[in-house]
N, C-alpha and C. Protein backbone atom coordinates (compact mmCIF):
# COMPACT_ATOMS: atom_id res chain seq x y z
N MET A 1 -3.35 -20.62 -55.96
CA MET A 1 -4.68 -20.89 -55.06
C MET A 1 -4.33 -21.05 -53.63
N LYS A 2 -4.78 -20.29 -52.56
CA LYS A 2 -4.43 -20.56 -51.13
C LYS A 2 -5.58 -21.55 -50.49
N GLN A 3 -4.88 -22.43 -49.76
CA GLN A 3 -5.88 -23.29 -49.06
C GLN A 3 -5.56 -23.28 -47.23
N SER A 4 -6.68 -22.85 -46.79
CA SER A 4 -6.68 -22.35 -45.45
C SER A 4 -7.48 -23.54 -44.67
N ASP A 5 -7.66 -24.55 -45.11
CA ASP A 5 -8.76 -25.56 -44.51
C ASP A 5 -8.07 -26.13 -43.29
N GLY A 6 -7.25 -26.53 -43.19
CA GLY A 6 -6.63 -27.20 -41.96
C GLY A 6 -5.45 -26.54 -41.27
N PHE A 7 -5.36 -25.13 -41.54
CA PHE A 7 -4.49 -24.26 -40.81
C PHE A 7 -4.94 -24.09 -39.57
N ASN A 8 -4.18 -24.00 -38.46
CA ASN A 8 -4.69 -23.49 -36.97
C ASN A 8 -3.22 -22.91 -36.64
N ALA A 9 -3.48 -21.68 -36.39
CA ALA A 9 -2.43 -20.91 -35.71
C ALA A 9 -1.97 -21.31 -34.24
N ARG A 10 -2.69 -21.68 -33.73
CA ARG A 10 -2.70 -22.34 -32.38
C ARG A 10 -1.51 -23.31 -32.09
N ARG A 11 -1.51 -24.16 -33.46
CA ARG A 11 -0.57 -25.31 -33.18
C ARG A 11 1.15 -24.74 -33.16
N LEU A 12 1.08 -23.53 -33.95
CA LEU A 12 2.51 -23.28 -34.03
C LEU A 12 2.92 -22.56 -32.79
N ARG A 13 2.30 -22.17 -31.78
CA ARG A 13 2.90 -21.70 -30.69
C ARG A 13 2.90 -22.80 -29.63
N PRO A 14 4.09 -22.42 -28.93
CA PRO A 14 4.04 -23.78 -27.73
C PRO A 14 3.00 -23.39 -26.65
N ARG A 15 2.65 -24.48 -25.96
CA ARG A 15 1.32 -24.54 -25.16
C ARG A 15 2.19 -24.17 -23.90
N GLU A 16 1.70 -22.91 -23.27
CA GLU A 16 2.34 -22.47 -21.97
C GLU A 16 1.60 -23.22 -20.84
N PRO A 17 2.14 -23.18 -19.73
CA PRO A 17 1.70 -24.02 -18.48
C PRO A 17 0.16 -23.30 -17.99
N GLY A 18 -0.68 -23.97 -17.20
CA GLY A 18 -1.72 -23.09 -16.81
C GLY A 18 -1.36 -22.39 -15.57
N ASN A 19 -1.97 -21.23 -15.39
CA ASN A 19 -1.49 -20.27 -14.42
C ASN A 19 -2.62 -20.49 -13.12
N TRP A 20 -3.21 -21.35 -13.05
CA TRP A 20 -4.33 -21.44 -11.90
C TRP A 20 -3.69 -21.32 -10.46
N ARG A 21 -2.44 -21.38 -10.23
CA ARG A 21 -1.75 -21.26 -8.94
C ARG A 21 -1.63 -20.03 -8.72
N MET A 22 -1.51 -18.95 -9.51
CA MET A 22 -1.27 -17.48 -9.69
C MET A 22 -2.81 -17.05 -9.54
N ARG A 23 -3.63 -17.67 -9.84
CA ARG A 23 -4.93 -16.96 -9.71
C ARG A 23 -5.57 -17.64 -8.48
N PHE A 24 -5.04 -18.52 -7.87
CA PHE A 24 -5.49 -18.88 -6.71
C PHE A 24 -5.00 -17.87 -5.77
N ALA A 25 -3.56 -17.69 -5.78
CA ALA A 25 -2.81 -17.13 -4.65
C ALA A 25 -3.34 -15.44 -4.85
N LEU A 26 -3.99 -15.04 -6.46
CA LEU A 26 -4.55 -13.31 -6.57
C LEU A 26 -5.94 -13.46 -5.51
N ALA A 27 -6.72 -14.64 -5.53
CA ALA A 27 -7.92 -14.76 -4.84
C ALA A 27 -7.84 -14.84 -3.29
N LEU A 28 -6.70 -15.64 -2.99
CA LEU A 28 -6.28 -15.44 -1.55
C LEU A 28 -5.65 -14.17 -0.96
N ALA A 29 -4.98 -13.40 -1.97
CA ALA A 29 -4.80 -12.17 -1.56
C ALA A 29 -5.79 -11.07 -1.36
N ALA A 30 -6.73 -11.16 -2.49
CA ALA A 30 -7.64 -10.19 -2.03
C ALA A 30 -8.54 -10.47 -1.01
N LEU A 31 -8.70 -11.70 -0.50
CA LEU A 31 -9.25 -12.26 0.94
C LEU A 31 -8.48 -11.57 1.99
N PHE A 32 -7.01 -11.81 2.09
CA PHE A 32 -6.35 -10.94 2.98
C PHE A 32 -6.61 -9.15 3.04
N ALA A 33 -6.27 -8.72 1.85
CA ALA A 33 -6.66 -7.45 1.76
C ALA A 33 -8.14 -7.12 2.59
N ALA A 34 -9.20 -7.76 2.00
CA ALA A 34 -10.40 -7.60 2.47
C ALA A 34 -10.72 -7.91 4.05
N ALA A 35 -9.97 -8.95 4.68
CA ALA A 35 -10.04 -9.30 6.03
C ALA A 35 -9.22 -8.00 6.88
N GLY A 36 -8.08 -7.64 6.17
CA GLY A 36 -7.48 -6.58 6.87
C GLY A 36 -8.13 -5.15 6.89
N VAL A 37 -8.94 -4.81 5.97
CA VAL A 37 -9.80 -3.66 5.85
C VAL A 37 -10.61 -3.64 7.06
N LEU A 38 -11.56 -4.87 6.89
CA LEU A 38 -12.50 -5.02 8.03
C LEU A 38 -12.09 -5.24 9.35
N LEU A 39 -10.83 -5.88 9.76
CA LEU A 39 -10.41 -5.99 10.92
C LEU A 39 -9.92 -4.41 11.50
N ALA A 40 -9.40 -3.55 10.58
CA ALA A 40 -8.92 -2.25 10.73
C ALA A 40 -10.49 -1.32 11.05
N MET A 41 -11.18 -1.74 10.51
CA MET A 41 -12.30 -0.52 10.33
C MET A 41 -13.40 -1.21 11.77
N ALA A 42 -13.01 -2.60 12.07
CA ALA A 42 -13.78 -2.78 13.54
C ALA A 42 -13.11 -2.17 14.61
N GLY A 43 -11.49 -2.35 15.00
CA GLY A 43 -10.82 -1.44 15.55
C GLY A 43 -11.15 -0.16 15.58
N ALA A 44 -11.17 0.47 14.52
CA ALA A 44 -11.22 1.91 14.50
C ALA A 44 -12.71 2.20 15.10
N ALA A 45 -13.66 1.62 14.83
CA ALA A 45 -15.27 1.85 15.26
C ALA A 45 -15.04 1.51 16.70
N THR A 46 -14.41 0.87 17.39
CA THR A 46 -14.25 0.68 18.89
C THR A 46 -13.46 2.02 19.22
N LEU A 47 -12.50 2.28 18.59
CA LEU A 47 -11.76 3.32 19.28
C LEU A 47 -12.47 4.66 19.27
N LEU A 48 -13.70 4.75 18.36
CA LEU A 48 -14.13 5.97 18.12
C LEU A 48 -15.45 6.09 18.91
N GLY A 49 -15.62 5.12 19.97
CA GLY A 49 -16.72 4.93 20.67
C GLY A 49 -17.94 4.35 20.09
N ARG A 50 -18.14 3.68 19.05
CA ARG A 50 -19.23 2.93 18.68
C ARG A 50 -18.97 1.57 19.21
N PRO A 51 -20.34 0.91 19.38
CA PRO A 51 -20.51 -0.34 19.82
C PRO A 51 -19.36 -1.51 19.26
N GLN A 52 -19.05 -2.21 20.36
CA GLN A 52 -17.94 -3.39 19.74
C GLN A 52 -18.64 -4.16 18.48
N ALA A 53 -17.73 -4.29 17.75
CA ALA A 53 -17.85 -5.23 16.60
C ALA A 53 -17.62 -6.76 16.69
N LEU A 54 -16.59 -6.95 17.39
CA LEU A 54 -16.43 -8.17 18.02
C LEU A 54 -16.26 -8.34 19.49
N ASP A 55 -16.92 -9.54 19.81
CA ASP A 55 -17.41 -9.49 21.47
C ASP A 55 -16.24 -9.10 22.48
N SER A 56 -15.60 -9.61 22.61
CA SER A 56 -14.57 -9.48 23.71
C SER A 56 -13.06 -9.25 23.13
N LEU A 57 -12.86 -9.33 21.64
CA LEU A 57 -11.61 -9.30 21.17
C LEU A 57 -11.30 -7.66 21.18
N ASN A 58 -11.92 -6.97 20.91
CA ASN A 58 -11.91 -5.38 21.08
C ASN A 58 -12.53 -4.67 22.11
N GLY A 59 -12.55 -5.25 23.14
CA GLY A 59 -13.31 -4.64 24.44
C GLY A 59 -12.79 -3.33 25.06
N SER A 60 -11.50 -3.49 25.05
CA SER A 60 -10.80 -2.48 25.44
C SER A 60 -9.75 -1.63 24.15
N PRO A 61 -9.49 -0.14 24.64
CA PRO A 61 -8.96 0.71 23.60
C PRO A 61 -7.47 -0.16 23.37
N ALA A 62 -7.01 -0.91 24.14
CA ALA A 62 -5.83 -1.70 23.63
C ALA A 62 -5.84 -2.79 22.83
N GLY A 63 -7.16 -3.56 22.93
CA GLY A 63 -7.66 -4.77 22.03
C GLY A 63 -7.94 -4.22 20.73
N SER A 64 -8.59 -2.94 20.58
CA SER A 64 -9.01 -2.34 19.36
C SER A 64 -7.90 -1.89 18.81
N ALA A 65 -6.97 -1.15 19.67
CA ALA A 65 -5.40 -1.05 18.72
C ALA A 65 -4.66 -2.00 18.02
N VAL A 66 -4.81 -3.11 18.75
CA VAL A 66 -4.29 -4.39 18.20
C VAL A 66 -4.95 -4.88 16.94
N LEU A 67 -6.31 -4.72 16.99
CA LEU A 67 -7.09 -5.33 15.76
C LEU A 67 -6.85 -4.06 14.69
N ILE A 68 -6.27 -2.77 14.96
CA ILE A 68 -6.23 -2.04 13.97
C ILE A 68 -4.93 -2.19 13.19
N VAL A 69 -3.92 -2.69 14.08
CA VAL A 69 -2.39 -3.01 13.42
C VAL A 69 -2.28 -4.52 12.56
N ILE A 70 -3.28 -5.23 13.31
CA ILE A 70 -3.42 -6.65 12.65
C ILE A 70 -4.08 -6.31 11.31
N GLY A 71 -5.18 -5.53 11.41
CA GLY A 71 -5.76 -5.34 9.97
C GLY A 71 -4.92 -4.55 8.94
N LEU A 72 -4.19 -3.60 9.37
CA LEU A 72 -3.04 -3.09 8.48
C LEU A 72 -1.94 -3.89 7.85
N LEU A 73 -1.67 -4.63 8.68
CA LEU A 73 -0.71 -5.50 8.53
C LEU A 73 -1.28 -6.79 7.59
N LEU A 74 -2.47 -7.20 7.80
CA LEU A 74 -3.11 -7.74 6.61
C LEU A 74 -3.21 -7.33 5.30
N LEU A 75 -3.92 -6.22 5.11
CA LEU A 75 -3.91 -5.23 4.36
C LEU A 75 -2.68 -5.09 3.62
N TRP A 76 -1.52 -4.67 4.20
CA TRP A 76 -0.27 -4.45 3.44
C TRP A 76 0.10 -5.97 3.04
N LEU A 77 -0.03 -7.29 3.51
CA LEU A 77 0.25 -8.55 3.23
C LEU A 77 -0.46 -8.67 1.72
N GLY A 78 -1.90 -8.27 1.62
CA GLY A 78 -2.65 -8.67 0.52
C GLY A 78 -1.89 -7.74 -0.44
N ILE A 79 -1.81 -6.54 -0.19
CA ILE A 79 -1.39 -5.81 -1.36
C ILE A 79 -0.53 -6.31 -1.91
N SER A 80 0.58 -6.74 -1.17
CA SER A 80 1.99 -7.11 -1.72
C SER A 80 1.84 -8.63 -2.49
N LEU A 81 1.10 -9.16 -2.06
CA LEU A 81 1.25 -10.54 -2.69
C LEU A 81 0.18 -10.55 -3.73
N TRP A 82 -0.79 -9.43 -3.85
CA TRP A 82 -1.25 -9.24 -5.34
C TRP A 82 -0.80 -8.66 -6.00
N ARG A 83 0.30 -7.57 -5.80
CA ARG A 83 1.13 -7.26 -6.61
C ARG A 83 2.20 -8.17 -7.32
N THR A 84 2.70 -8.96 -6.47
CA THR A 84 3.59 -9.96 -6.89
C THR A 84 2.90 -11.11 -7.76
N CYS A 85 1.74 -11.39 -7.32
CA CYS A 85 1.23 -12.50 -8.18
C CYS A 85 0.83 -11.81 -9.66
N ARG A 86 0.33 -10.53 -9.73
CA ARG A 86 0.02 -9.89 -11.17
C ARG A 86 1.60 -9.66 -11.80
N ARG A 87 2.30 -9.62 -11.12
CA ARG A 87 3.85 -9.44 -12.00
C ARG A 87 4.07 -10.66 -12.59
N ARG A 88 4.05 -11.73 -11.81
CA ARG A 88 4.40 -13.08 -12.22
C ARG A 88 3.37 -13.60 -13.58
N LEU A 89 1.93 -13.22 -13.22
CA LEU A 89 1.16 -13.76 -14.16
C LEU A 89 1.20 -13.11 -15.46
N ARG A 90 1.60 -11.74 -15.54
CA ARG A 90 2.04 -11.28 -16.99
C ARG A 90 3.10 -11.61 -17.52
N GLY A 91 4.20 -12.56 -16.85
CA GLY A 91 4.89 -12.90 -17.36
C GLY A 91 6.04 -12.06 -17.95
N SER A 92 7.20 -12.84 -17.81
CA SER A 92 8.20 -12.01 -18.45
C SER A 92 8.86 -12.37 -20.02
N GLY A 93 7.90 -12.96 -20.54
CA GLY A 93 8.38 -13.29 -21.86
C GLY A 93 8.24 -12.43 -23.12
N ASP A 94 7.52 -11.08 -22.68
CA ASP A 94 7.64 -10.18 -23.47
C ASP A 94 8.63 -9.51 -23.54
N LEU A 95 8.81 -8.58 -24.44
CA LEU A 95 9.82 -7.70 -24.63
C LEU A 95 9.73 -6.53 -23.54
N SER A 96 10.59 -6.09 -23.24
CA SER A 96 10.50 -4.84 -21.98
C SER A 96 11.57 -4.31 -22.61
N MET A 97 10.95 -2.63 -22.52
CA MET A 97 11.80 -1.30 -22.95
C MET A 97 11.98 -0.78 -21.57
N SER A 98 13.20 0.24 -21.52
CA SER A 98 13.37 0.63 -20.46
C SER A 98 12.64 2.04 -20.33
N ARG A 99 12.38 2.53 -19.24
CA ARG A 99 11.27 3.94 -19.09
C ARG A 99 11.68 4.99 -20.07
N HIS A 100 13.20 5.18 -20.53
CA HIS A 100 13.44 6.32 -20.68
C HIS A 100 13.45 6.23 -22.12
N LEU A 101 13.30 5.09 -22.82
CA LEU A 101 13.16 4.87 -24.39
C LEU A 101 11.86 4.98 -24.53
N MET A 102 10.86 4.77 -23.63
CA MET A 102 9.40 5.06 -24.07
C MET A 102 8.89 6.35 -23.93
N LYS A 103 9.65 7.28 -23.56
CA LYS A 103 9.26 8.65 -23.50
C LYS A 103 9.39 9.28 -24.72
N LYS A 104 8.24 10.29 -24.91
CA LYS A 104 8.31 11.20 -26.27
C LYS A 104 9.53 12.19 -26.33
N ARG A 105 9.88 12.17 -27.43
CA ARG A 105 11.23 13.04 -27.28
C ARG A 105 10.56 14.47 -28.06
N LYS A 106 11.00 15.44 -27.70
CA LYS A 106 10.50 16.74 -28.51
C LYS A 106 11.70 17.13 -29.36
């Protein structure tokens, strides 16, 4: 007869450390990306002739071009940090197969 009263499968697996640092880094990366998009949009709006979004920071075309460049750099930094953190969060403990082995053969 089977007895499963005191059995807990979670006790058999080793406990992994918490990943709150990676989640915090993911949130920070999302903030960088969002700030980059907003800065780039503010600079582009000034270049296109709309009213200034930021007071004296983008009053001239050169200032708004600098805002676009900074915004795009922040966006790139946020996306690359996001991808790096997601890769580490998924973990490398799983089995990995090569791409050519995953393809269907005809």
